[in-house]
Amino acid sequence: MSARRGDVWRIDFGEPVGREHAGTRPAVVVSADALNEGPAGVLMVVPLTSARRGLPSHIEIDSRSSGLDEVGYAKCEDLKSVSDRRLVHRVGSVDSVAMAAIEQVLRYLLDL
């Protein structure tokens, strides 16, 4: 399986610790394809939620273009590094507008 930047994948996040996400849920791949396809076997993802909380760090993901069953929200404050073995299946991809918004929030949150 080869994930690409901007793809939406169902990912098995496993057992939670504290308030971490658990189980299988969708996430947007945000790491560069060089990392995604490299020998490290890891990628960076932003988990999605269906709960609209109105937070500036949550970016709306349209269900029509992403392959999701309903509108989702990319929780940019929950950026995670995961093993590529946690990938379950590809759902779709985010559009360029949503990806640009995710990138902007990540730059702000990471002070880049």
N, C-alpha and C. Protein backbone atom coordinates (compact mmCIF):
# COMPACT_ATOMS: atom_id res chain seq x y z
N MET A 1 0.84 -1.18 0.00
CA MET A 1 0.00 0.00 0.00
C MET A 1 0.88 1.24 0.00
N SER A 2 0.55 2.16 -0.86
CA SER A 2 1.33 3.39 -0.93
C SER A 2 0.39 4.59 -0.78
N ALA A 3 0.49 5.26 0.33
CA ALA A 3 -0.32 6.45 0.57
C ALA A 3 0.34 7.65 -0.07
N ARG A 4 -0.48 8.58 -0.54
CA ARG A 4 0.01 9.81 -1.15
C ARG A 4 -0.48 11.00 -0.33
N ARG A 5 0.28 12.06 -0.35
CA ARG A 5 -0.11 13.30 0.32
C ARG A 5 -1.50 13.73 -0.18
N GLY A 6 -2.41 14.03 0.76
CA GLY A 6 -3.76 14.44 0.41
C GLY A 6 -4.76 13.31 0.37
N ASP A 7 -4.28 12.06 0.43
CA ASP A 7 -5.19 10.91 0.48
C ASP A 7 -5.93 10.86 1.81
N VAL A 8 -7.14 10.33 1.78
CA VAL A 8 -7.89 10.01 3.00
C VAL A 8 -7.87 8.49 3.12
N TRP A 9 -7.36 8.00 4.25
CA TRP A 9 -7.26 6.56 4.52
C TRP A 9 -7.98 6.24 5.82
N ARG A 10 -8.54 5.06 5.90
CA ARG A 10 -8.99 4.52 7.20
C ARG A 10 -7.73 3.94 7.83
N ILE A 11 -7.49 4.32 9.08
CA ILE A 11 -6.28 3.93 9.78
C ILE A 11 -6.66 3.29 11.10
N ASP A 12 -5.98 2.21 11.44
CA ASP A 12 -6.19 1.56 12.72
C ASP A 12 -5.25 2.20 13.73
N PHE A 13 -5.79 3.07 14.58
CA PHE A 13 -4.98 3.77 15.58
C PHE A 13 -4.73 2.94 16.82
N GLY A 14 -5.35 1.76 16.92
CA GLY A 14 -5.09 0.88 18.06
C GLY A 14 -5.74 1.36 19.34
N GLU A 15 -5.15 0.96 20.46
CA GLU A 15 -5.67 1.30 21.78
C GLU A 15 -5.25 2.71 22.18
N PRO A 16 -6.17 3.48 22.78
CA PRO A 16 -5.84 4.86 23.15
C PRO A 16 -5.10 4.96 24.48
N VAL A 17 -4.36 6.03 24.63
CA VAL A 17 -3.79 6.44 25.90
C VAL A 17 -4.32 7.84 26.14
N GLY A 18 -4.95 8.05 27.28
CA GLY A 18 -5.54 9.36 27.55
C GLY A 18 -6.64 9.69 26.57
N ARG A 19 -6.53 10.85 25.92
CA ARG A 19 -7.57 11.32 24.99
C ARG A 19 -7.23 11.06 23.53
N GLU A 20 -6.30 10.17 23.29
CA GLU A 20 -5.93 9.83 21.92
C GLU A 20 -7.10 9.19 21.19
N HIS A 21 -7.04 9.28 19.86
CA HIS A 21 -8.01 8.57 19.03
C HIS A 21 -7.73 7.09 19.11
N ALA A 22 -8.78 6.30 19.00
CA ALA A 22 -8.64 4.85 19.07
C ALA A 22 -9.41 4.20 17.94
N GLY A 23 -9.11 2.95 17.71
CA GLY A 23 -9.85 2.19 16.71
C GLY A 23 -9.53 2.64 15.30
N THR A 24 -10.41 2.26 14.39
CA THR A 24 -10.23 2.57 12.98
C THR A 24 -11.06 3.79 12.62
N ARG A 25 -10.38 4.79 12.05
CA ARG A 25 -11.06 6.04 11.67
C ARG A 25 -10.33 6.66 10.50
N PRO A 26 -10.98 7.57 9.77
CA PRO A 26 -10.31 8.21 8.63
C PRO A 26 -9.31 9.27 9.07
N ALA A 27 -8.31 9.48 8.22
CA ALA A 27 -7.31 10.50 8.45
C ALA A 27 -6.77 10.97 7.10
N VAL A 28 -6.27 12.20 7.06
CA VAL A 28 -5.67 12.77 5.86
C VAL A 28 -4.16 12.61 5.96
N VAL A 29 -3.55 12.09 4.91
CA VAL A 29 -2.09 11.98 4.86
C VAL A 29 -1.53 13.36 4.54
N VAL A 30 -0.64 13.87 5.40
CA VAL A 30 -0.07 15.20 5.20
C VAL A 30 1.43 15.18 4.97
N SER A 31 2.07 14.04 5.14
CA SER A 31 3.52 13.96 4.93
C SER A 31 3.85 13.96 3.45
N ALA A 32 5.09 14.35 3.16
CA ALA A 32 5.58 14.39 1.78
C ALA A 32 5.65 12.97 1.21
N ASP A 33 5.40 12.85 -0.07
CA ASP A 33 5.43 11.53 -0.70
C ASP A 33 6.79 10.85 -0.59
N ALA A 34 7.87 11.65 -0.47
CA ALA A 34 9.19 11.06 -0.28
C ALA A 34 9.24 10.25 1.01
N LEU A 35 8.59 10.73 2.06
CA LEU A 35 8.52 9.98 3.31
C LEU A 35 7.55 8.81 3.16
N ASN A 36 6.39 9.08 2.58
CA ASN A 36 5.36 8.05 2.44
C ASN A 36 5.85 6.83 1.66
N GLU A 37 6.70 7.04 0.69
CA GLU A 37 7.19 5.96 -0.16
C GLU A 37 8.57 5.46 0.26
N GLY A 38 9.14 6.05 1.28
CA GLY A 38 10.50 5.72 1.70
C GLY A 38 10.58 4.49 2.58
N PRO A 39 11.80 4.12 2.94
CA PRO A 39 12.04 2.89 3.71
C PRO A 39 11.68 2.99 5.20
N ALA A 40 11.38 4.19 5.70
CA ALA A 40 11.09 4.35 7.12
C ALA A 40 9.81 3.64 7.54
N GLY A 41 8.85 3.53 6.62
CA GLY A 41 7.60 2.84 6.93
C GLY A 41 6.67 3.64 7.81
N VAL A 42 6.80 4.96 7.82
CA VAL A 42 5.92 5.82 8.60
C VAL A 42 5.37 6.94 7.72
N LEU A 43 4.27 7.52 8.16
CA LEU A 43 3.71 8.68 7.49
C LEU A 43 3.04 9.56 8.54
N MET A 44 2.83 10.81 8.19
CA MET A 44 2.19 11.78 9.08
C MET A 44 0.74 11.94 8.63
N VAL A 45 -0.18 11.89 9.60
CA VAL A 45 -1.59 12.00 9.28
C VAL A 45 -2.29 12.95 10.24
N VAL A 46 -3.42 13.48 9.79
CA VAL A 46 -4.31 14.29 10.62
C VAL A 46 -5.63 13.53 10.69
N PRO A 47 -6.00 13.04 11.88
CA PRO A 47 -7.26 12.30 12.03
C PRO A 47 -8.48 13.19 11.75
N LEU A 48 -9.55 12.54 11.30
CA LEU A 48 -10.80 13.24 11.03
C LEU A 48 -11.83 12.89 12.10
N THR A 49 -12.74 13.83 12.32
CA THR A 49 -13.88 13.62 13.19
C THR A 49 -15.13 14.07 12.44
N SER A 50 -16.27 13.53 12.83
CA SER A 50 -17.53 13.99 12.23
C SER A 50 -18.18 15.08 13.08
N ALA A 51 -17.61 15.36 14.25
CA ALA A 51 -18.17 16.37 15.15
C ALA A 51 -17.71 17.77 14.76
N ARG A 52 -18.66 18.63 14.46
CA ARG A 52 -18.34 20.02 14.14
C ARG A 52 -18.25 20.80 15.44
N ARG A 53 -17.05 21.25 15.75
CA ARG A 53 -16.85 21.99 17.01
C ARG A 53 -16.54 23.47 16.78
N GLY A 54 -16.38 23.86 15.53
CA GLY A 54 -16.13 25.27 15.23
C GLY A 54 -14.76 25.77 15.63
N LEU A 55 -13.80 24.86 15.81
CA LEU A 55 -12.45 25.25 16.20
C LEU A 55 -11.65 25.69 14.98
N PRO A 56 -10.80 26.70 15.11
CA PRO A 56 -10.02 27.15 13.96
C PRO A 56 -9.00 26.12 13.48
N SER A 57 -8.67 25.15 14.31
CA SER A 57 -7.72 24.11 13.91
C SER A 57 -8.41 22.92 13.25
N HIS A 58 -9.73 22.98 13.10
CA HIS A 58 -10.49 21.92 12.43
C HIS A 58 -10.89 22.40 11.04
N ILE A 59 -10.45 21.67 10.03
CA ILE A 59 -10.72 22.04 8.65
C ILE A 59 -11.79 21.12 8.08
N GLU A 60 -12.85 21.72 7.52
CA GLU A 60 -13.95 20.95 6.96
C GLU A 60 -13.51 20.21 5.70
N ILE A 61 -13.87 18.93 5.65
CA ILE A 61 -13.56 18.07 4.50
C ILE A 61 -14.88 17.65 3.88
N ASP A 62 -15.10 18.05 2.65
CA ASP A 62 -16.34 17.74 1.94
C ASP A 62 -16.43 16.25 1.62
N SER A 63 -17.58 15.68 1.87
CA SER A 63 -17.74 14.23 1.65
C SER A 63 -17.72 13.86 0.18
N ARG A 64 -18.18 14.75 -0.71
CA ARG A 64 -18.25 14.40 -2.14
C ARG A 64 -16.88 14.13 -2.74
N SER A 65 -15.89 14.94 -2.42
CA SER A 65 -14.58 14.76 -3.04
C SER A 65 -13.68 13.81 -2.26
N SER A 66 -13.97 13.61 -0.97
CA SER A 66 -13.06 12.84 -0.12
C SER A 66 -13.38 11.35 -0.05
N GLY A 67 -14.60 10.97 -0.45
CA GLY A 67 -15.01 9.58 -0.32
C GLY A 67 -15.60 9.25 1.03
N LEU A 68 -15.72 10.24 1.91
CA LEU A 68 -16.32 10.02 3.23
C LEU A 68 -17.84 9.89 3.09
N ASP A 69 -18.47 9.24 4.05
CA ASP A 69 -19.92 9.10 4.07
C ASP A 69 -20.62 10.39 4.47
N GLU A 70 -19.91 11.25 5.21
CA GLU A 70 -20.46 12.52 5.67
C GLU A 70 -19.33 13.53 5.76
N VAL A 71 -19.69 14.79 5.96
CA VAL A 71 -18.68 15.83 6.13
C VAL A 71 -17.79 15.46 7.31
N GLY A 72 -16.49 15.66 7.15
CA GLY A 72 -15.54 15.41 8.22
C GLY A 72 -14.76 16.67 8.54
N TYR A 73 -14.05 16.64 9.65
CA TYR A 73 -13.25 17.78 10.09
C TYR A 73 -11.85 17.28 10.44
N ALA A 74 -10.85 17.80 9.72
CA ALA A 74 -9.46 17.43 9.98
C ALA A 74 -9.00 18.13 11.25
N LYS A 75 -8.63 17.34 12.25
CA LYS A 75 -8.21 17.86 13.55
C LYS A 75 -6.70 18.10 13.53
N CYS A 76 -6.31 19.24 12.99
CA CYS A 76 -4.88 19.52 12.77
C CYS A 76 -4.05 19.50 14.04
N GLU A 77 -4.67 19.77 15.18
CA GLU A 77 -3.92 19.73 16.44
C GLU A 77 -3.58 18.31 16.85
N ASP A 78 -4.12 17.30 16.16
CA ASP A 78 -3.85 15.89 16.47
C ASP A 78 -2.90 15.23 15.46
N LEU A 79 -2.01 16.00 14.87
CA LEU A 79 -1.03 15.47 13.92
C LEU A 79 -0.34 14.25 14.52
N LYS A 80 -0.27 13.17 13.74
CA LYS A 80 0.31 11.92 14.25
C LYS A 80 1.26 11.30 13.23
N SER A 81 2.27 10.63 13.75
CA SER A 81 3.13 9.78 12.95
C SER A 81 2.66 8.35 13.17
N VAL A 82 2.38 7.63 12.07
CA VAL A 82 1.89 6.26 12.20
C VAL A 82 2.67 5.34 11.26
N SER A 83 2.73 4.08 11.61
CA SER A 83 3.33 3.07 10.76
C SER A 83 2.45 2.86 9.53
N ASP A 84 3.06 2.63 8.38
CA ASP A 84 2.27 2.34 7.18
C ASP A 84 1.50 1.02 7.32
N ARG A 85 1.85 0.21 8.30
CA ARG A 85 1.12 -1.03 8.54
C ARG A 85 -0.22 -0.78 9.21
N ARG A 86 -0.46 0.44 9.67
CA ARG A 86 -1.76 0.81 10.26
C ARG A 86 -2.79 1.19 9.20
N LEU A 87 -2.37 1.36 7.95
CA LEU A 87 -3.29 1.71 6.87
C LEU A 87 -4.25 0.54 6.61
N VAL A 88 -5.54 0.83 6.59
CA VAL A 88 -6.54 -0.21 6.34
C VAL A 88 -6.96 -0.17 4.87
N HIS A 89 -7.53 0.95 4.42
CA HIS A 89 -7.85 1.11 2.99
C HIS A 89 -8.02 2.59 2.66
N ARG A 90 -7.76 2.89 1.39
CA ARG A 90 -7.89 4.27 0.90
C ARG A 90 -9.38 4.57 0.69
N VAL A 91 -9.80 5.75 1.16
CA VAL A 91 -11.18 6.18 1.03
C VAL A 91 -11.34 7.14 -0.15
N GLY A 92 -10.40 8.05 -0.31
CA GLY A 92 -10.46 9.07 -1.36
C GLY A 92 -9.34 10.07 -1.15
N SER A 93 -9.62 11.33 -1.47
CA SER A 93 -8.61 12.37 -1.25
C SER A 93 -9.31 13.70 -0.99
N VAL A 94 -8.58 14.62 -0.37
CA VAL A 94 -9.12 15.96 -0.12
C VAL A 94 -8.85 16.84 -1.33
N ASP A 95 -9.66 17.86 -1.52
CA ASP A 95 -9.43 18.77 -2.63
C ASP A 95 -8.30 19.74 -2.28
N SER A 96 -7.84 20.47 -3.28
CA SER A 96 -6.68 21.35 -3.09
C SER A 96 -6.97 22.49 -2.11
N VAL A 97 -8.22 22.95 -2.04
CA VAL A 97 -8.57 24.03 -1.11
C VAL A 97 -8.46 23.53 0.33
N ALA A 98 -8.99 22.35 0.60
CA ALA A 98 -8.92 21.79 1.95
C ALA A 98 -7.47 21.49 2.32
N MET A 99 -6.69 20.95 1.38
CA MET A 99 -5.29 20.64 1.68
C MET A 99 -4.52 21.91 2.00
N ALA A 100 -4.77 22.98 1.25
CA ALA A 100 -4.08 24.25 1.52
C ALA A 100 -4.46 24.79 2.90
N ALA A 101 -5.72 24.63 3.30
CA ALA A 101 -6.15 25.08 4.62
C ALA A 101 -5.49 24.26 5.73
N ILE A 102 -5.39 22.95 5.52
CA ILE A 102 -4.70 22.08 6.49
C ILE A 102 -3.24 22.51 6.63
N GLU A 103 -2.59 22.73 5.49
CA GLU A 103 -1.18 23.15 5.50
C GLU A 103 -1.01 24.47 6.27
N GLN A 104 -1.92 25.41 6.04
CA GLN A 104 -1.84 26.71 6.72
C GLN A 104 -1.97 26.55 8.24
N VAL A 105 -2.91 25.74 8.68
CA VAL A 105 -3.10 25.52 10.13
C VAL A 105 -1.88 24.82 10.72
N LEU A 106 -1.35 23.81 10.01
CA LEU A 106 -0.17 23.10 10.52
C LEU A 106 1.03 24.04 10.63
N ARG A 107 1.21 24.92 9.65
CA ARG A 107 2.31 25.91 9.74
C ARG A 107 2.14 26.78 10.98
N TYR A 108 0.91 27.20 11.25
CA TYR A 108 0.64 28.03 12.43
C TYR A 108 0.92 27.24 13.72
N LEU A 109 0.35 26.04 13.81
CA LEU A 109 0.49 25.24 15.03
C LEU A 109 1.93 24.83 15.32
N LEU A 110 2.71 24.60 14.25
CA LEU A 110 4.10 24.16 14.41
C LEU A 110 5.09 25.33 14.33
N ASP A 111 4.56 26.54 14.19
CA ASP A 111 5.39 27.75 14.11
C ASP A 111 6.42 27.65 12.99
N LEU A 112 5.98 27.26 11.80
CA LEU A 112 6.87 27.10 10.65
C LEU A 112 6.81 28.30 9.72
